[in-house]
Amino acid sequence: MALVRRKGDWLSAMVGEELVMMSAEHGAYLGLSSVGARIWELIEEPREADAICAQLTDEFEVEPETCRAEVMHFLEELASNGAVEIGQEPAR
């Protein structure tokens, strides 16, 4: 399972319908849609990607396969900007 956790010094605030994020460390600025903002909220604590998708399919009208593909693409974008880390859950 892919474990997702926030990373870095990202500050965020809602501006209208968009979540605006910025990082002085990375010199980056991101604007997230309401779904992106919900994902950011869900990973306030480290969470498995499958758990994120399960939550989103409960809240939005989206097929699980579509949700998984889009969430992983979004998380990879966040990772490329230094906002999250996607890794393996430690063995128990």
PDB file of N, CA and C in Angstrom:
ATOM      1  N   MET A   1       0.831  -1.187   0.000  1.00  0.00           N
ATOM      2  CA  MET A   1       0.000   0.000   0.000  1.00  0.00           C
ATOM      3  C   MET A   1       0.881   1.258   0.000  1.00  0.00           C
ATOM      4  N   ALA A   2       0.484   2.243  -0.744  1.00  0.00           N
ATOM      5  CA  ALA A   2       1.222   3.507  -0.796  1.00  0.00           C
ATOM      6  C   ALA A   2       0.751   4.397   0.346  1.00  0.00           C
ATOM      7  N   LEU A   3       1.677   4.795   1.173  1.00  0.00           N
ATOM      8  CA  LEU A   3       1.384   5.694   2.279  1.00  0.00           C
ATOM      9  C   LEU A   3       1.760   7.106   1.858  1.00  0.00           C
ATOM     10  N   VAL A   4       0.826   8.038   2.049  1.00  0.00           N
ATOM     11  CA  VAL A   4       1.026   9.420   1.632  1.00  0.00           C
ATOM     12  C   VAL A   4       1.140  10.292   2.870  1.00  0.00           C
ATOM     13  N   ARG A   5       2.152  11.149   2.880  1.00  0.00           N
ATOM     14  CA  ARG A   5       2.311  12.079   4.004  1.00  0.00           C
ATOM     15  C   ARG A   5       2.730  13.441   3.470  1.00  0.00           C
ATOM     16  N   ARG A   6       2.264  14.472   4.175  1.00  0.00           N
ATOM     17  CA  ARG A   6       2.671  15.823   3.809  1.00  0.00           C
ATOM     18  C   ARG A   6       4.154  15.994   4.070  1.00  0.00           C
ATOM     19  N   LYS A   7       4.760  16.925   3.323  1.00  0.00           N
ATOM     20  CA  LYS A   7       6.197  17.132   3.427  1.00  0.00           C
ATOM     21  C   LYS A   7       6.490  18.620   3.239  1.00  0.00           C
ATOM     22  N   GLY A   8       7.458  19.125   3.956  1.00  0.00           N
ATOM     23  CA  GLY A   8       7.904  20.489   3.735  1.00  0.00           C
ATOM     24  C   GLY A   8       7.165  21.525   4.564  1.00  0.00           C
ATOM     25  N   ASP A   9       7.352  22.773   4.174  1.00  0.00           N
ATOM     26  CA  ASP A   9       6.862  23.922   4.941  1.00  0.00           C
ATOM     27  C   ASP A   9       5.623  24.560   4.305  1.00  0.00           C
ATOM     28  N   TRP A  10       4.781  23.795   3.674  1.00  0.00           N
ATOM     29  CA  TRP A  10       3.655  24.329   2.918  1.00  0.00           C
ATOM     30  C   TRP A  10       2.630  25.011   3.811  1.00  0.00           C
ATOM     31  N   LEU A  11       2.273  26.215   3.432  1.00  0.00           N
ATOM     32  CA  LEU A  11       1.188  26.964   4.068  1.00  0.00           C
ATOM     33  C   LEU A  11       0.008  26.923   3.122  1.00  0.00           C
ATOM     34  N   SER A  12      -1.199  26.873   3.678  1.00  0.00           N
ATOM     35  CA  SER A  12      -2.378  26.811   2.819  1.00  0.00           C
ATOM     36  C   SER A  12      -3.511  27.648   3.392  1.00  0.00           C
ATOM     37  N   ALA A  13      -4.340  28.158   2.480  1.00  0.00           N
ATOM     38  CA  ALA A  13      -5.511  28.940   2.880  1.00  0.00           C
ATOM     39  C   ALA A  13      -6.549  28.865   1.770  1.00  0.00           C
ATOM     40  N   MET A  14      -7.812  28.840   2.160  1.00  0.00           N
ATOM     41  CA  MET A  14      -8.896  28.851   1.178  1.00  0.00           C
ATOM     42  C   MET A  14      -9.057  30.274   0.657  1.00  0.00           C
ATOM     43  N   VAL A  15      -9.136  30.400  -0.658  1.00  0.00           N
ATOM     44  CA  VAL A  15      -9.397  31.678  -1.325  1.00  0.00           C
ATOM     45  C   VAL A  15     -10.541  31.392  -2.289  1.00  0.00           C
ATOM     46  N   GLY A  16     -11.737  31.775  -1.892  1.00  0.00           N
ATOM     47  CA  GLY A  16     -12.920  31.432  -2.675  1.00  0.00           C
ATOM     48  C   GLY A  16     -13.107  29.928  -2.665  1.00  0.00           C
ATOM     49  N   GLU A  17     -13.199  29.323  -3.836  1.00  0.00           N
ATOM     50  CA  GLU A  17     -13.389  27.877  -3.974  1.00  0.00           C
ATOM     51  C   GLU A  17     -12.070  27.121  -4.088  1.00  0.00           C
ATOM     52  N   GLU A  18     -10.950  27.835  -4.040  1.00  0.00           N
ATOM     53  CA  GLU A  18      -9.650  27.233  -4.280  1.00  0.00           C
ATOM     54  C   GLU A  18      -8.802  27.240  -3.017  1.00  0.00           C
ATOM     55  N   LEU A  19      -8.030  26.171  -2.821  1.00  0.00           N
ATOM     56  CA  LEU A  19      -7.049  26.133  -1.750  1.00  0.00           C
ATOM     57  C   LEU A  19      -5.731  26.595  -2.342  1.00  0.00           C
ATOM     58  N   VAL A  20      -5.184  27.662  -1.798  1.00  0.00           N
ATOM     59  CA  VAL A  20      -3.917  28.209  -2.275  1.00  0.00           C
ATOM     60  C   VAL A  20      -2.828  27.741  -1.322  1.00  0.00           C
ATOM     61  N   MET A  21      -1.760  27.182  -1.897  1.00  0.00           N
ATOM     62  CA  MET A  21      -0.649  26.671  -1.108  1.00  0.00           C
ATOM     63  C   MET A  21       0.647  27.312  -1.584  1.00  0.00           C
ATOM     64  N   MET A  22       1.533  27.566  -0.632  1.00  0.00           N
ATOM     65  CA  MET A  22       2.839  28.086  -1.023  1.00  0.00           C
ATOM     66  C   MET A  22       3.908  27.558  -0.085  1.00  0.00           C
ATOM     67  N   SER A  23       5.115  27.450  -0.655  1.00  0.00           N
ATOM     68  CA  SER A  23       6.262  26.975   0.096  1.00  0.00           C
ATOM     69  C   SER A  23       7.436  27.898  -0.178  1.00  0.00           C
ATOM     70  N   ALA A  24       7.944  28.537   0.864  1.00  0.00           N
ATOM     71  CA  ALA A  24       9.137  29.376   0.713  1.00  0.00           C
ATOM     72  C   ALA A  24      10.347  28.496   0.435  1.00  0.00           C
ATOM     73  N   GLU A  25      10.383  27.332   1.063  1.00  0.00           N
ATOM     74  CA  GLU A  25      11.495  26.387   0.890  1.00  0.00           C
ATOM     75  C   GLU A  25      11.655  25.975  -0.570  1.00  0.00           C
ATOM     76  N   HIS A  26      10.533  25.717  -1.237  1.00  0.00           N
ATOM     77  CA  HIS A  26      10.567  25.258  -2.624  1.00  0.00           C
ATOM     78  C   HIS A  26      10.345  26.391  -3.623  1.00  0.00           C
ATOM     79  N   GLY A  27       9.989  27.580  -3.126  1.00  0.00           N
ATOM     80  CA  GLY A  27       9.693  28.687  -4.021  1.00  0.00           C
ATOM     81  C   GLY A  27       8.547  28.360  -4.961  1.00  0.00           C
ATOM     82  N   ALA A  28       7.543  27.662  -4.423  1.00  0.00           N
ATOM     83  CA  ALA A  28       6.440  27.181  -5.259  1.00  0.00           C
ATOM     84  C   ALA A  28       5.101  27.658  -4.733  1.00  0.00           C
ATOM     85  N   TYR A  29       4.167  27.765  -5.670  1.00  0.00           N
ATOM     86  CA  TYR A  29       2.799  28.166  -5.376  1.00  0.00           C
ATOM     87  C   TYR A  29       1.877  27.193  -6.101  1.00  0.00           C
ATOM     88  N   LEU A  30       0.861  26.687  -5.413  1.00  0.00           N
ATOM     89  CA  LEU A  30      -0.100  25.778  -6.025  1.00  0.00           C
ATOM     90  C   LEU A  30      -1.512  26.236  -5.711  1.00  0.00           C
ATOM     91  N   GLY A  31      -2.416  26.020  -6.639  1.00  0.00           N
ATOM     92  CA  GLY A  31      -3.830  26.260  -6.414  1.00  0.00           C
ATOM     93  C   GLY A  31      -4.571  24.948  -6.604  1.00  0.00           C
ATOM     94  N   LEU A  32      -5.340  24.538  -5.604  1.00  0.00           N
ATOM     95  CA  LEU A  32      -6.029  23.256  -5.657  1.00  0.00           C
ATOM     96  C   LEU A  32      -7.537  23.458  -5.751  1.00  0.00           C
ATOM     97  N   SER A  33      -8.178  22.632  -6.565  1.00  0.00           N
ATOM     98  CA  SER A  33      -9.638  22.631  -6.663  1.00  0.00           C
ATOM     99  C   SER A  33     -10.237  22.119  -5.349  1.00  0.00           C
ATOM    100  N   SER A  34     -11.544  22.081  -5.279  1.00  0.00           N
ATOM    101  CA  SER A  34     -12.195  21.591  -4.061  1.00  0.00           C
ATOM    102  C   SER A  34     -11.840  20.127  -3.790  1.00  0.00           C
ATOM    103  N   VAL A  35     -11.699  19.315  -4.837  1.00  0.00           N
ATOM    104  CA  VAL A  35     -11.316  17.917  -4.639  1.00  0.00           C
ATOM    105  C   VAL A  35      -9.859  17.833  -4.177  1.00  0.00           C
ATOM    106  N   GLY A  36      -8.981  18.613  -4.795  1.00  0.00           N
ATOM    107  CA  GLY A  36      -7.585  18.656  -4.360  1.00  0.00           C
ATOM    108  C   GLY A  36      -7.470  19.123  -2.918  1.00  0.00           C
ATOM    109  N   ALA A  37      -8.283  20.117  -2.555  1.00  0.00           N
ATOM    110  CA  ALA A  37      -8.283  20.615  -1.172  1.00  0.00           C
ATOM    111  C   ALA A  37      -8.744  19.527  -0.209  1.00  0.00           C
ATOM    112  N   ARG A  38      -9.729  18.724  -0.639  1.00  0.00           N
ATOM    113  CA  ARG A  38     -10.216  17.629   0.212  1.00  0.00           C
ATOM    114  C   ARG A  38      -9.120  16.589   0.411  1.00  0.00           C
ATOM    115  N   ILE A  39      -8.385  16.286  -0.649  1.00  0.00           N
ATOM    116  CA  ILE A  39      -7.278  15.333  -0.526  1.00  0.00           C
ATOM    117  C   ILE A  39      -6.226  15.876   0.432  1.00  0.00           C
ATOM    118  N   TRP A  40      -5.887  17.161   0.313  1.00  0.00           N
ATOM    119  CA  TRP A  40      -4.905  17.779   1.216  1.00  0.00           C
ATOM    120  C   TRP A  40      -5.385  17.669   2.661  1.00  0.00           C
ATOM    121  N   GLU A  41      -6.680  17.879   2.868  1.00  0.00           N
ATOM    122  CA  GLU A  41      -7.256  17.747   4.210  1.00  0.00           C
ATOM    123  C   GLU A  41      -7.145  16.305   4.708  1.00  0.00           C
ATOM    124  N   LEU A  42      -7.433  15.346   3.834  1.00  0.00           N
ATOM    125  CA  LEU A  42      -7.389  13.935   4.227  1.00  0.00           C
ATOM    126  C   LEU A  42      -5.987  13.470   4.604  1.00  0.00           C
ATOM    127  N   ILE A  43      -4.956  14.107   4.065  1.00  0.00           N
ATOM    128  CA  ILE A  43      -3.588  13.678   4.387  1.00  0.00           C
ATOM    129  C   ILE A  43      -2.951  14.561   5.459  1.00  0.00           C
ATOM    130  N   GLU A  44      -3.792  15.213   6.248  1.00  0.00           N
ATOM    131  CA  GLU A  44      -3.254  15.961   7.391  1.00  0.00           C
ATOM    132  C   GLU A  44      -2.427  15.013   8.258  1.00  0.00           C
ATOM    133  N   GLU A  45      -2.887  13.786   8.377  1.00  0.00           N
ATOM    134  CA  GLU A  45      -2.127  12.703   9.000  1.00  0.00           C
ATOM    135  C   GLU A  45      -1.793  11.721   7.874  1.00  0.00           C
ATOM    136  N   PRO A  46      -0.651  11.030   7.939  1.00  0.00           N
ATOM    137  CA  PRO A  46      -0.320  10.065   6.888  1.00  0.00           C
ATOM    138  C   PRO A  46      -1.479   9.090   6.653  1.00  0.00           C
ATOM    139  N   ARG A  47      -1.737   8.812   5.380  1.00  0.00           N
ATOM    140  CA  ARG A  47      -2.882   7.972   5.031  1.00  0.00           C
ATOM    141  C   ARG A  47      -2.547   7.162   3.787  1.00  0.00           C
ATOM    142  N   GLU A  48      -3.088   5.959   3.711  1.00  0.00           N
ATOM    143  CA  GLU A  48      -2.900   5.120   2.538  1.00  0.00           C
ATOM    144  C   GLU A  48      -3.684   5.694   1.366  1.00  0.00           C
ATOM    145  N   ALA A  49      -3.113   5.591   0.170  1.00  0.00           N
ATOM    146  CA  ALA A  49      -3.779   6.076  -1.037  1.00  0.00           C
ATOM    147  C   ALA A  49      -5.134   5.394  -1.213  1.00  0.00           C
ATOM    148  N   ASP A  50      -5.225   4.105  -0.911  1.00  0.00           N
ATOM    149  CA  ASP A  50      -6.496   3.388  -1.036  1.00  0.00           C
ATOM    150  C   ASP A  50      -7.555   3.964  -0.097  1.00  0.00           C
ATOM    151  N   ALA A  51      -7.152   4.397   1.088  1.00  0.00           N
ATOM    152  CA  ALA A  51      -8.097   4.994   2.037  1.00  0.00           C
ATOM    153  C   ALA A  51      -8.579   6.353   1.532  1.00  0.00           C
ATOM    154  N   ILE A  52      -7.694   7.099   0.885  1.00  0.00           N
ATOM    155  CA  ILE A  52      -8.085   8.383   0.292  1.00  0.00           C
ATOM    156  C   ILE A  52      -9.139   8.138  -0.783  1.00  0.00           C
ATOM    157  N   CYS A  53      -8.885   7.173  -1.655  1.00  0.00           N
ATOM    158  CA  CYS A  53      -9.826   6.856  -2.736  1.00  0.00           C
ATOM    159  C   CYS A  53     -11.156   6.360  -2.184  1.00  0.00           C
ATOM    160  N   ALA A  54     -11.120   5.536  -1.167  1.00  0.00           N
ATOM    161  CA  ALA A  54     -12.362   5.032  -0.565  1.00  0.00           C
ATOM    162  C   ALA A  54     -13.193   6.186  -0.025  1.00  0.00           C
ATOM    163  N   GLN A  55     -12.543   7.126   0.638  1.00  0.00           N
ATOM    164  CA  GLN A  55     -13.247   8.289   1.179  1.00  0.00           C
ATOM    165  C   GLN A  55     -13.842   9.140   0.056  1.00  0.00           C
ATOM    166  N   LEU A  56     -13.072   9.374  -0.988  1.00  0.00           N
ATOM    167  CA  LEU A  56     -13.543  10.211  -2.092  1.00  0.00           C
ATOM    168  C   LEU A  56     -14.680   9.562  -2.867  1.00  0.00           C
ATOM    169  N   THR A  57     -14.642   8.240  -3.052  1.00  0.00           N
ATOM    170  CA  THR A  57     -15.745   7.584  -3.760  1.00  0.00           C
ATOM    171  C   THR A  57     -17.019   7.621  -2.936  1.00  0.00           C
ATOM    172  N   ASP A  58     -16.904   7.718  -1.610  1.00  0.00           N
ATOM    173  CA  ASP A  58     -18.086   7.897  -0.752  1.00  0.00           C
ATOM    174  C   ASP A  58     -18.648   9.308  -0.865  1.00  0.00           C
ATOM    175  N   GLU A  59     -17.770  10.289  -1.061  1.00  0.00           N
ATOM    176  CA  GLU A  59     -18.182  11.694  -1.048  1.00  0.00           C
ATOM    177  C   GLU A  59     -18.551  12.244  -2.427  1.00  0.00           C
ATOM    178  N   PHE A  60     -17.968  11.691  -3.493  1.00  0.00           N
ATOM    179  CA  PHE A  60     -18.172  12.216  -4.842  1.00  0.00           C
ATOM    180  C   PHE A  60     -18.671  11.098  -5.752  1.00  0.00           C
ATOM    181  N   GLU A  61     -19.322  11.477  -6.826  1.00  0.00           N
ATOM    182  CA  GLU A  61     -19.774  10.499  -7.812  1.00  0.00           C
ATOM    183  C   GLU A  61     -18.618  10.191  -8.755  1.00  0.00           C
ATOM    184  N   VAL A  62     -17.867   9.154  -8.419  1.00  0.00           N
ATOM    185  CA  VAL A  62     -16.712   8.754  -9.220  1.00  0.00           C
ATOM    186  C   VAL A  62     -16.523   7.248  -9.080  1.00  0.00           C
ATOM    187  N   GLU A  63     -16.169   6.608 -10.187  1.00  0.00           N
ATOM    188  CA  GLU A  63     -15.887   5.176 -10.174  1.00  0.00           C
ATOM    189  C   GLU A  63     -14.557   4.934  -9.464  1.00  0.00           C
ATOM    190  N   PRO A  64     -14.442   3.854  -8.702  1.00  0.00           N
ATOM    191  CA  PRO A  64     -13.199   3.584  -7.969  1.00  0.00           C
ATOM    192  C   PRO A  64     -11.943   3.571  -8.843  1.00  0.00           C
ATOM    193  N   GLU A  65     -12.020   2.981 -10.044  1.00  0.00           N
ATOM    194  CA  GLU A  65     -10.837   2.910 -10.909  1.00  0.00           C
ATOM    195  C   GLU A  65     -10.422   4.311 -11.374  1.00  0.00           C
ATOM    196  N   THR A  66     -11.412   5.122 -11.743  1.00  0.00           N
ATOM    197  CA  THR A  66     -11.141   6.497 -12.176  1.00  0.00           C
ATOM    198  C   THR A  66     -10.556   7.297 -11.023  1.00  0.00           C
ATOM    199  N   CYS A  67     -11.139   7.135  -9.850  1.00  0.00           N
ATOM    200  CA  CYS A  67     -10.672   7.850  -8.663  1.00  0.00           C
ATOM    201  C   CYS A  67      -9.216   7.493  -8.379  1.00  0.00           C
ATOM    202  N   ARG A  68      -8.908   6.223  -8.393  1.00  0.00           N
ATOM    203  CA  ARG A  68      -7.542   5.765  -8.086  1.00  0.00           C
ATOM    204  C   ARG A  68      -6.532   6.372  -9.059  1.00  0.00           C
ATOM    205  N   ALA A  69      -6.853   6.321 -10.361  1.00  0.00           N
ATOM    206  CA  ALA A  69      -5.935   6.860 -11.368  1.00  0.00           C
ATOM    207  C   ALA A  69      -5.731   8.360 -11.187  1.00  0.00           C
ATOM    208  N   GLU A  70      -6.824   9.096 -10.967  1.00  0.00           N
ATOM    209  CA  GLU A  70      -6.726  10.549 -10.833  1.00  0.00           C
ATOM    210  C   GLU A  70      -6.068  10.963  -9.527  1.00  0.00           C
ATOM    211  N   VAL A  71      -6.366  10.252  -8.449  1.00  0.00           N
ATOM    212  CA  VAL A  71      -5.742  10.569  -7.162  1.00  0.00           C
ATOM    213  C   VAL A  71      -4.239  10.313  -7.235  1.00  0.00           C
ATOM    214  N   MET A  72      -3.832   9.199  -7.812  1.00  0.00           N
ATOM    215  CA  MET A  72      -2.402   8.907  -7.904  1.00  0.00           C
ATOM    216  C   MET A  72      -1.689   9.939  -8.776  1.00  0.00           C
ATOM    217  N   HIS A  73      -2.311  10.346  -9.875  1.00  0.00           N
ATOM    218  CA  HIS A  73      -1.717  11.390 -10.722  1.00  0.00           C
ATOM    219  C   HIS A  73      -1.572  12.691  -9.924  1.00  0.00           C
ATOM    220  N   PHE A  74      -2.608  13.069  -9.194  1.00  0.00           N
ATOM    221  CA  PHE A  74      -2.578  14.285  -8.385  1.00  0.00           C
ATOM    222  C   PHE A  74      -1.490  14.193  -7.307  1.00  0.00           C
ATOM    223  N   LEU A  75      -1.409  13.053  -6.626  1.00  0.00           N
ATOM    224  CA  LEU A  75      -0.398  12.891  -5.577  1.00  0.00           C
ATOM    225  C   LEU A  75       1.013  12.934  -6.154  1.00  0.00           C
ATOM    226  N   GLU A  76       1.195  12.374  -7.342  1.00  0.00           N
ATOM    227  CA  GLU A  76       2.505  12.435  -7.987  1.00  0.00           C
ATOM    228  C   GLU A  76       2.874  13.870  -8.346  1.00  0.00           C
ATOM    229  N   GLU A  77       1.881  14.669  -8.742  1.00  0.00           N
ATOM    230  CA  GLU A  77       2.125  16.102  -9.005  1.00  0.00           C
ATOM    231  C   GLU A  77       2.545  16.808  -7.718  1.00  0.00           C
ATOM    232  N   LEU A  78       1.814  16.524  -6.621  1.00  0.00           N
ATOM    233  CA  LEU A  78       2.195  17.125  -5.334  1.00  0.00           C
ATOM    234  C   LEU A  78       3.602  16.695  -4.941  1.00  0.00           C
ATOM    235  N   ALA A  79       3.924  15.432  -5.158  1.00  0.00           N
ATOM    236  CA  ALA A  79       5.262  14.924  -4.818  1.00  0.00           C
ATOM    237  C   ALA A  79       6.330  15.613  -5.656  1.00  0.00           C
ATOM    238  N   SER A  80       6.054  15.856  -6.927  1.00  0.00           N
ATOM    239  CA  SER A  80       7.047  16.511  -7.786  1.00  0.00           C
ATOM    240  C   SER A  80       7.287  17.957  -7.362  1.00  0.00           C
ATOM    241  N   ASN A  81       6.329  18.544  -6.645  1.00  0.00           N
ATOM    242  CA  ASN A  81       6.486  19.899  -6.114  1.00  0.00           C
ATOM    243  C   ASN A  81       6.998  19.908  -4.671  1.00  0.00           C
ATOM    244  N   GLY A  82       7.271  18.728  -4.119  1.00  0.00           N
ATOM    245  CA  GLY A  82       7.811  18.636  -2.761  1.00  0.00           C
ATOM    246  C   GLY A  82       6.784  18.783  -1.670  1.00  0.00           C
ATOM    247  N   ALA A  83       5.489  18.636  -1.998  1.00  0.00           N
ATOM    248  CA  ALA A  83       4.434  18.825  -0.999  1.00  0.00           C
ATOM    249  C   ALA A  83       4.081  17.543  -0.259  1.00  0.00           C
ATOM    250  N   VAL A  84       4.299  16.390  -0.885  1.00  0.00           N
ATOM    251  CA  VAL A  84       4.002  15.121  -0.246  1.00  0.00           C
ATOM    252  C   VAL A  84       5.108  14.123  -0.539  1.00  0.00           C
ATOM    253  N   GLU A  85       5.084  13.075   0.260  1.00  0.00           N
ATOM    254  CA  GLU A  85       5.974  11.941   0.069  1.00  0.00           C
ATOM    255  C   GLU A  85       5.086  10.711  -0.072  1.00  0.00           C
ATOM    256  N   ILE A  86       5.332   9.922  -1.096  1.00  0.00           N
ATOM    257  CA  ILE A  86       4.565   8.695  -1.320  1.00  0.00           C
ATOM    258  C   ILE A  86       5.520   7.543  -1.101  1.00  0.00           C
ATOM    259  N   GLY A  87       5.203   6.700  -0.131  1.00  0.00           N
ATOM    260  CA  GLY A  87       6.093   5.590   0.166  1.00  0.00           C
ATOM    261  C   GLY A  87       5.318   4.370   0.581  1.00  0.00           C
ATOM    262  N   GLN A  88       6.028   3.409   1.046  1.00  0.00           N
ATOM    263  CA  GLN A  88       5.430   2.167   1.517  1.00  0.00           C
ATOM    264  C   GLN A  88       5.176   2.261   3.008  1.00  0.00           C
ATOM    265  N   GLU A  89       4.083   1.669   3.431  1.00  0.00           N
ATOM    266  CA  GLU A  89       3.767   1.626   4.850  1.00  0.00           C
ATOM    267  C   GLU A  89       4.757   0.697   5.525  1.00  0.00           C
ATOM    268  N   PRO A  90       5.268   1.086   6.705  1.00  0.00           N
ATOM    269  CA  PRO A  90       6.207   0.203   7.392  1.00  0.00           C
ATOM    270  C   PRO A  90       5.532  -1.115   7.773  1.00  0.00           C
ATOM    271  N   ALA A  91       6.299  -2.197   7.753  1.00  0.00           N
ATOM    272  CA  ALA A  91       5.771  -3.512   8.145  1.00  0.00           C
ATOM    273  C   ALA A  91       5.380  -3.498   9.613  1.00  0.00           C
ATOM    274  N   ARG A  92       4.327  -4.226   9.907  1.00  0.00           N
ATOM    275  CA  ARG A  92       3.851  -4.274  11.306  1.00  0.00           C
ATOM    276  C   ARG A  92       4.258  -5.543  11.968  1.00  0.00           C
TER     277      ARG A  92
END
